[in-house]
Amino acid sequence: MQKEDWYKPDKFLYKDLIIALAKCKKMDDAMQLWDTMRKEELFPDSQTYTEIIGGFLRCGSPTDAMNIYEDMKKSQDPPEELPFRILLKGLLPHPLLRNRVKQDFEEIPLNS
């Protein structure tokens, strides 16, 4: 389908699919779509970051959540407060990672 002349990548379709997969804890599938979206030069928004970070935390994968967090910090748009709050809550059992995020939260100018 992507090779058809009429095909145009749709950021919102990718976003909805990624969010649905993350909520169902299908993180491998969500990351495949994430990678495809990025290859098509579409970039996640704050809600997409929030949901994929939350998905990794629900699946017990704080390392993957932190990798997405690092990607979020480098994104073109300043991060919003919600992804930080979700990370801080999900990282309660991981004090070293939580302290790192908390320090960033206090230092980075956020979109509200």
C-alpha atoms as a PDB file:
ATOM      1  CA  MET A   1       0.000   0.000   0.000  1.00  0.00           C
ATOM      2  CA  GLN A   2       2.798   2.438   0.848  1.00  0.00           C
ATOM      3  CA  LYS A   3       4.149   2.108  -2.697  1.00  0.00           C
ATOM      4  CA  GLU A   4       0.900   3.260  -4.300  1.00  0.00           C
ATOM      5  CA  ASP A   5       0.874   6.698  -5.964  1.00  0.00           C
ATOM      6  CA  TRP A   6      -2.039   7.880  -3.807  1.00  0.00           C
ATOM      7  CA  TYR A   7      -0.398   6.944  -0.509  1.00  0.00           C
ATOM      8  CA  LYS A   8       0.487   9.781   1.859  1.00  0.00           C
ATOM      9  CA  PRO A   9       1.724   9.006   5.363  1.00  0.00           C
ATOM     10  CA  ASP A  10      -0.747  10.065   8.031  1.00  0.00           C
ATOM     11  CA  LYS A  11       0.736  11.004  11.391  1.00  0.00           C
ATOM     12  CA  PHE A  12      -2.625  10.683  13.151  1.00  0.00           C
ATOM     13  CA  LEU A  13      -3.269   7.169  11.846  1.00  0.00           C
ATOM     14  CA  TYR A  14       0.157   6.069  13.064  1.00  0.00           C
ATOM     15  CA  LYS A  15      -0.484   7.774  16.387  1.00  0.00           C
ATOM     16  CA  ASP A  16      -3.844   6.042  16.891  1.00  0.00           C
ATOM     17  CA  LEU A  17      -2.418   2.630  15.994  1.00  0.00           C
ATOM     18  CA  ILE A  18       0.623   3.064  18.247  1.00  0.00           C
ATOM     19  CA  ILE A  19      -1.562   4.167  21.156  1.00  0.00           C
ATOM     20  CA  ALA A  20      -3.925   1.201  20.685  1.00  0.00           C
ATOM     21  CA  LEU A  21      -1.041  -1.270  20.536  1.00  0.00           C
ATOM     22  CA  ALA A  22       0.651   0.257  23.595  1.00  0.00           C
ATOM     23  CA  LYS A  23      -2.584   0.042  25.594  1.00  0.00           C
ATOM     24  CA  CYS A  24      -2.815  -3.660  24.660  1.00  0.00           C
ATOM     25  CA  LYS A  25       0.830  -4.160  25.733  1.00  0.00           C
ATOM     26  CA  LYS A  26       1.851  -5.121  22.187  1.00  0.00           C
ATOM     27  CA  MET A  27       5.047  -3.135  22.392  1.00  0.00           C
ATOM     28  CA  ASP A  28       6.955  -4.972  19.640  1.00  0.00           C
ATOM     29  CA  ASP A  29       4.182  -4.126  17.175  1.00  0.00           C
ATOM     30  CA  ALA A  30       3.960  -0.564  18.494  1.00  0.00           C
ATOM     31  CA  MET A  31       7.706  -0.101  18.004  1.00  0.00           C
ATOM     32  CA  GLN A  32       7.553  -1.471  14.460  1.00  0.00           C
ATOM     33  CA  LEU A  33       4.978   1.207  13.631  1.00  0.00           C
ATOM     34  CA  TRP A  34       7.057   3.788  15.537  1.00  0.00           C
ATOM     35  CA  ASP A  35      10.094   2.964  13.387  1.00  0.00           C
ATOM     36  CA  THR A  36       8.047   3.043  10.172  1.00  0.00           C
ATOM     37  CA  MET A  37       6.525   6.380  11.153  1.00  0.00           C
ATOM     38  CA  ARG A  38       9.979   7.837  11.777  1.00  0.00           C
ATOM     39  CA  LYS A  39      11.289   6.495   8.456  1.00  0.00           C
ATOM     40  CA  GLU A  40       8.445   8.356   6.754  1.00  0.00           C
ATOM     41  CA  GLU A  41       9.676  11.522   8.472  1.00  0.00           C
ATOM     42  CA  LEU A  42       6.652  11.774  10.753  1.00  0.00           C
ATOM     43  CA  PHE A  43       7.390  12.654  14.346  1.00  0.00           C
ATOM     44  CA  PRO A  44       5.479  11.709  17.481  1.00  0.00           C
ATOM     45  CA  ASP A  45       3.630  14.278  19.532  1.00  0.00           C
ATOM     46  CA  SER A  46       3.463  14.452  23.308  1.00  0.00           C
ATOM     47  CA  GLN A  47       0.478  12.092  23.550  1.00  0.00           C
ATOM     48  CA  THR A  48       2.229   9.447  21.465  1.00  0.00           C
ATOM     49  CA  TYR A  49       5.341   9.710  23.646  1.00  0.00           C
ATOM     50  CA  THR A  50       3.178   9.492  26.773  1.00  0.00           C
ATOM     51  CA  GLU A  51       1.362   6.355  25.622  1.00  0.00           C
ATOM     52  CA  ILE A  52       4.424   4.477  24.419  1.00  0.00           C
ATOM     53  CA  ILE A  53       6.336   5.320  27.603  1.00  0.00           C
ATOM     54  CA  GLY A  54       3.319   4.196  29.644  1.00  0.00           C
ATOM     55  CA  GLY A  55       3.076   0.988  27.599  1.00  0.00           C
ATOM     56  CA  PHE A  56       6.670   0.085  28.313  1.00  0.00           C
ATOM     57  CA  LEU A  57       6.213   0.829  32.008  1.00  0.00           C
ATOM     58  CA  ARG A  58       3.049  -1.324  32.151  1.00  0.00           C
ATOM     59  CA  CYS A  59       5.006  -4.157  30.522  1.00  0.00           C
ATOM     60  CA  GLY A  60       7.761  -3.851  33.128  1.00  0.00           C
ATOM     61  CA  SER A  61      10.357  -2.446  30.752  1.00  0.00           C
ATOM     62  CA  PRO A  62      11.709   0.769  32.297  1.00  0.00           C
ATOM     63  CA  THR A  63      14.833   0.646  30.120  1.00  0.00           C
ATOM     64  CA  ASP A  64      12.755   0.850  26.933  1.00  0.00           C
ATOM     65  CA  ALA A  65      10.642   3.603  28.502  1.00  0.00           C
ATOM     66  CA  MET A  66      13.821   5.549  29.246  1.00  0.00           C
ATOM     67  CA  ASN A  67      15.028   5.104  25.651  1.00  0.00           C
ATOM     68  CA  ILE A  68      11.797   6.672  24.396  1.00  0.00           C
ATOM     69  CA  TYR A  69      12.158   9.377  27.048  1.00  0.00           C
ATOM     70  CA  GLU A  70      15.648  10.233  25.741  1.00  0.00           C
ATOM     71  CA  ASP A  71      14.203  10.429  22.221  1.00  0.00           C
ATOM     72  CA  MET A  72      11.436  12.718  23.504  1.00  0.00           C
ATOM     73  CA  LYS A  73      13.987  15.088  25.049  1.00  0.00           C
ATOM     74  CA  LYS A  74      15.652  15.478  21.630  1.00  0.00           C
ATOM     75  CA  SER A  75      12.400  16.071  19.742  1.00  0.00           C
ATOM     76  CA  GLN A  76      11.695  19.323  17.927  1.00  0.00           C
ATOM     77  CA  ASP A  77       8.826  20.266  20.224  1.00  0.00           C
ATOM     78  CA  PRO A  78       9.472  20.884  23.901  1.00  0.00           C
ATOM     79  CA  PRO A  79       8.019  18.066  25.987  1.00  0.00           C
ATOM     80  CA  GLU A  80       4.784  18.485  27.890  1.00  0.00           C
ATOM     81  CA  GLU A  81       4.295  17.784  31.569  1.00  0.00           C
ATOM     82  CA  LEU A  82       2.203  14.600  31.269  1.00  0.00           C
ATOM     83  CA  PRO A  83       4.931  12.257  29.929  1.00  0.00           C
ATOM     84  CA  PHE A  84       7.156  13.331  32.810  1.00  0.00           C
ATOM     85  CA  ARG A  85       4.422  12.620  35.355  1.00  0.00           C
ATOM     86  CA  ILE A  86       3.747   9.178  33.895  1.00  0.00           C
ATOM     87  CA  LEU A  87       7.446   8.358  33.912  1.00  0.00           C
ATOM     88  CA  LEU A  88       7.898   9.588  37.473  1.00  0.00           C
ATOM     89  CA  LYS A  89       4.990   7.445  38.652  1.00  0.00           C
ATOM     90  CA  GLY A  90       6.096   4.375  36.701  1.00  0.00           C
ATOM     91  CA  LEU A  91       9.677   4.667  37.900  1.00  0.00           C
ATOM     92  CA  LEU A  92       8.845   4.588  41.630  1.00  0.00           C
ATOM     93  CA  PRO A  93      10.478   1.132  41.916  1.00  0.00           C
ATOM     94  CA  HIS A  94      13.578   2.457  40.118  1.00  0.00           C
ATOM     95  CA  PRO A  95      14.888   5.368  42.220  1.00  0.00           C
ATOM     96  CA  LEU A  96      18.027   6.077  40.173  1.00  0.00           C
ATOM     97  CA  LEU A  97      16.089   6.409  36.906  1.00  0.00           C
ATOM     98  CA  ARG A  98      13.335   8.331  38.680  1.00  0.00           C
ATOM     99  CA  ASN A  99      15.801  10.854  40.112  1.00  0.00           C
ATOM    100  CA  ARG A 100      17.271  11.438  36.646  1.00  0.00           C
ATOM    101  CA  VAL A 101      13.823  12.152  35.178  1.00  0.00           C
ATOM    102  CA  LYS A 102      12.866  14.305  38.149  1.00  0.00           C
ATOM    103  CA  GLN A 103      15.988  16.424  37.699  1.00  0.00           C
ATOM    104  CA  ASP A 104      15.205  16.881  33.983  1.00  0.00           C
ATOM    105  CA  PHE A 105      11.593  17.739  34.835  1.00  0.00           C
ATOM    106  CA  GLU A 106      12.802  20.560  37.058  1.00  0.00           C
ATOM    107  CA  GLU A 107      15.294  21.869  34.452  1.00  0.00           C
ATOM    108  CA  ILE A 108      13.558  21.556  31.056  1.00  0.00           C
ATOM    109  CA  PRO A 109      11.116  24.289  29.978  1.00  0.00           C
ATOM    110  CA  LEU A 110       7.821  22.515  29.338  1.00  0.00           C
ATOM    111  CA  ASN A 111       4.767  23.160  27.199  1.00  0.00           C
ATOM    112  CA  SER A 112       1.747  23.172  29.484  1.00  0.00           C
END
